[in-house]
Amino acid sequence: MQLFITVMDKLRLEIRAMDEIQPDLRELMETMNRMSNMPPDSEAKDKVSLWLTTLSSMSASDELDDSQVRQMLFDLESAYNAFNRFLHSS
């Protein structure tokens, strides 16, 4: 799904402000939620939800630090792989 790639690309381009990342991440979550056959406890949804919670506690101008960016990239890569496994199994 393109939204995974979009968020990961933004992070790699050092776009780190909450208000620049959160809208795409929210849209990604909403898209996954609309997939009725996707289990609510899927790894992809869990990882995205965790980061949405983290970002929602930040101010719009707050930026993720290096450690958070690295972790978010790792988590999104895992979520993307889990999502692709789900697509190929259904």
C-alpha atoms as a PDB file:
ATOM      1  CA  MET A   1       0.000   0.000   0.000  1.00  0.00           C
ATOM      2  CA  GLN A   2       1.359   3.349  -1.073  1.00  0.00           C
ATOM      3  CA  LEU A   3       0.637   5.078   2.255  1.00  0.00           C
ATOM      4  CA  PHE A   4       3.223   2.927   4.056  1.00  0.00           C
ATOM      5  CA  ILE A   5       5.828   4.001   1.500  1.00  0.00           C
ATOM      6  CA  THR A   6       4.758   7.661   1.712  1.00  0.00           C
ATOM      7  CA  VAL A   7       5.252   7.831   5.485  1.00  0.00           C
ATOM      8  CA  MET A   8       8.559   5.948   5.365  1.00  0.00           C
ATOM      9  CA  ASP A   9       9.809   8.212   2.559  1.00  0.00           C
ATOM     10  CA  LYS A  10       8.920  11.321   4.562  1.00  0.00           C
ATOM     11  CA  LEU A  11      10.889  10.014   7.529  1.00  0.00           C
ATOM     12  CA  ARG A  12      13.878   9.186   5.322  1.00  0.00           C
ATOM     13  CA  LEU A  13      13.711  12.719   3.876  1.00  0.00           C
ATOM     14  CA  GLU A  14      13.922  14.028   7.458  1.00  0.00           C
ATOM     15  CA  ILE A  15      10.327  15.239   7.554  1.00  0.00           C
ATOM     16  CA  ARG A  16       9.680  14.716  11.255  1.00  0.00           C
ATOM     17  CA  ALA A  17       7.050  17.191  12.440  1.00  0.00           C
ATOM     18  CA  MET A  18       3.929  15.641  13.894  1.00  0.00           C
ATOM     19  CA  ASP A  19       1.610  17.638  11.621  1.00  0.00           C
ATOM     20  CA  GLU A  20       3.460  16.417   8.513  1.00  0.00           C
ATOM     21  CA  ILE A  21       3.393  12.712   9.416  1.00  0.00           C
ATOM     22  CA  GLN A  22       0.185  12.161  11.365  1.00  0.00           C
ATOM     23  CA  PRO A  23      -2.348  12.850   8.538  1.00  0.00           C
ATOM     24  CA  ASP A  24      -0.815  10.176   6.269  1.00  0.00           C
ATOM     25  CA  LEU A  25      -0.540   7.733   9.148  1.00  0.00           C
ATOM     26  CA  ARG A  26      -4.188   8.350  10.094  1.00  0.00           C
ATOM     27  CA  GLU A  27      -5.273   7.814   6.484  1.00  0.00           C
ATOM     28  CA  LEU A  28      -3.288   4.556   6.439  1.00  0.00           C
ATOM     29  CA  MET A  29      -5.088   3.360   9.574  1.00  0.00           C
ATOM     30  CA  GLU A  30      -8.494   4.343   8.199  1.00  0.00           C
ATOM     31  CA  THR A  31      -7.761   2.475   4.972  1.00  0.00           C
ATOM     32  CA  MET A  32      -6.783  -0.677   6.862  1.00  0.00           C
ATOM     33  CA  ASN A  33      -9.898  -0.350   9.055  1.00  0.00           C
ATOM     34  CA  ARG A  34     -12.082  -0.279   5.928  1.00  0.00           C
ATOM     35  CA  MET A  35     -10.693  -3.674   4.892  1.00  0.00           C
ATOM     36  CA  SER A  36     -13.384  -5.810   6.484  1.00  0.00           C
ATOM     37  CA  ASN A  37     -11.439  -9.062   6.168  1.00  0.00           C
ATOM     38  CA  MET A  38      -8.371  -7.695   7.970  1.00  0.00           C
ATOM     39  CA  PRO A  39      -8.302  -8.819  11.615  1.00  0.00           C
ATOM     40  CA  PRO A  40      -8.493  -5.962  14.138  1.00  0.00           C
ATOM     41  CA  ASP A  41      -5.475  -7.325  16.006  1.00  0.00           C
ATOM     42  CA  SER A  42      -3.176  -7.566  12.979  1.00  0.00           C
ATOM     43  CA  GLU A  43       0.460  -6.611  13.467  1.00  0.00           C
ATOM     44  CA  ALA A  44       0.136  -3.879  10.838  1.00  0.00           C
ATOM     45  CA  LYS A  45      -2.785  -2.224  12.635  1.00  0.00           C
ATOM     46  CA  ASP A  46      -1.102  -2.580  16.039  1.00  0.00           C
ATOM     47  CA  LYS A  47       2.096  -0.849  14.917  1.00  0.00           C
ATOM     48  CA  VAL A  48       0.309   1.994  13.123  1.00  0.00           C
ATOM     49  CA  SER A  49      -2.060   2.483  16.064  1.00  0.00           C
ATOM     50  CA  LEU A  50       0.875   2.686  18.484  1.00  0.00           C
ATOM     51  CA  TRP A  51       2.469   5.474  16.451  1.00  0.00           C
ATOM     52  CA  LEU A  52      -0.821   7.326  16.056  1.00  0.00           C
ATOM     53  CA  THR A  53      -1.104   7.321  19.854  1.00  0.00           C
ATOM     54  CA  THR A  54       2.463   8.616  20.189  1.00  0.00           C
ATOM     55  CA  LEU A  55       1.884  11.384  17.649  1.00  0.00           C
ATOM     56  CA  SER A  56      -1.445  12.413  19.187  1.00  0.00           C
ATOM     57  CA  SER A  57       0.357  13.279  22.425  1.00  0.00           C
ATOM     58  CA  MET A  58       2.600  15.736  20.563  1.00  0.00           C
ATOM     59  CA  SER A  59       2.031  19.334  19.497  1.00  0.00           C
ATOM     60  CA  ALA A  60       1.755  20.035  15.764  1.00  0.00           C
ATOM     61  CA  SER A  61       5.251  21.540  15.598  1.00  0.00           C
ATOM     62  CA  ASP A  62       6.905  18.821  17.719  1.00  0.00           C
ATOM     63  CA  GLU A  63       9.364  16.661  15.834  1.00  0.00           C
ATOM     64  CA  LEU A  64      10.370  13.052  16.279  1.00  0.00           C
ATOM     65  CA  ASP A  65      13.955  12.619  17.463  1.00  0.00           C
ATOM     66  CA  ASP A  66      16.520  10.373  15.721  1.00  0.00           C
ATOM     67  CA  SER A  67      15.710   7.407  17.927  1.00  0.00           C
ATOM     68  CA  GLN A  68      11.954   7.738  17.327  1.00  0.00           C
ATOM     69  CA  VAL A  69      12.456   8.062  13.563  1.00  0.00           C
ATOM     70  CA  ARG A  70      14.603   4.939  13.517  1.00  0.00           C
ATOM     71  CA  GLN A  71      12.046   3.008  15.585  1.00  0.00           C
ATOM     72  CA  MET A  72       9.117   4.242  13.522  1.00  0.00           C
ATOM     73  CA  LEU A  73      10.848   3.205  10.289  1.00  0.00           C
ATOM     74  CA  PHE A  74      11.533  -0.232  11.773  1.00  0.00           C
ATOM     75  CA  ASP A  75       7.932  -0.600  12.970  1.00  0.00           C
ATOM     76  CA  LEU A  76       6.446   0.589   9.671  1.00  0.00           C
ATOM     77  CA  GLU A  77       8.677  -1.782   7.714  1.00  0.00           C
ATOM     78  CA  SER A  78       7.432  -4.647   9.928  1.00  0.00           C
ATOM     79  CA  ALA A  79       3.834  -3.484   9.538  1.00  0.00           C
ATOM     80  CA  TYR A  80       4.231  -3.194   5.759  1.00  0.00           C
ATOM     81  CA  ASN A  81       5.608  -6.748   5.570  1.00  0.00           C
ATOM     82  CA  ALA A  82       2.776  -8.042   7.785  1.00  0.00           C
ATOM     83  CA  PHE A  83       0.247  -6.222   5.599  1.00  0.00           C
ATOM     84  CA  ASN A  84       1.717  -7.781   2.448  1.00  0.00           C
ATOM     85  CA  ARG A  85       1.615 -11.246   4.055  1.00  0.00           C
ATOM     86  CA  PHE A  86      -2.057 -10.638   4.878  1.00  0.00           C
ATOM     87  CA  LEU A  87      -2.798  -9.592   1.276  1.00  0.00           C
ATOM     88  CA  HIS A  88      -1.101 -12.663  -0.164  1.00  0.00           C
ATOM     89  CA  SER A  89      -2.851 -15.032   2.244  1.00  0.00           C
ATOM     90  CA  SER A  90      -6.387 -13.789   1.529  1.00  0.00           C
END
